[in-house]
């Protein structure tokens, strides 16, 4: 097995740590999942270094969201595994894994209460208290200055999606998964939120995987593209190689 181009079967923990520090963050190896006779994901492999952005594209039903859910074990792979900074994620507690691999989904799911309540949710699950200053800083990053005490029931779709992003960032993730993060928004909100997400991801140097049906969004977001059809990779490479940009 290779780890960002290196054989790992004979490497020590120190070697893996050194490679992690050099930038290799996420590796999916031969991931597969099926439900009954239906194959959702078939033998998908890829690897990403620190701050790389991968777009996963393909038609509806091609397995894009199913693949994304395998990357933080929201669904369990039937074959293959994922390595996060050189560690097989099957050895990690699910809560710790999902802290390190944050996720923003198509429609923001917010808990009743204030914006600040939602941003603090993840750290609170680990017994950590996120101070008001940190909450305000996270909200500033996503363009929601002075929103901390607003009730989430009064937010627009774009504002709710920004809160969802701030909530993911509150966990200090290493990897951010984005599942069609702007497809539920109107065009104006879509471009605003997309630009903001991209700015935050680049500023924090997050390794990122975005699922999108929008080829132009993939071109704007990513350096690399994985194209799926019926759960299998049909093409992978740079944006230019896969999408002809």
Foldseek 3Di string as FASTA:
>chain_A
DAQVRHDDPPDDPVVLLVVLVVFWFKWWAQFWDADVPATQAGGDIDTGGFLAEEEEEEDPSQNLVVVLCCRLPVDPTPDTFMAGSNHTCVVPDSLVSCLQEPEQEQFQDADWAFLLCLLQVSVVVVVDGDDPVNLQVLCVLLPNHPRGHPTPVPDDRLSSSSSSVSSSCSSVYQEYEYENHQPVDPPVSSVSNLVSVQVVSNVSRHYYYYYDHDLVSSVVRHQKYFYGGSNYTPDIDGNCVPVVD
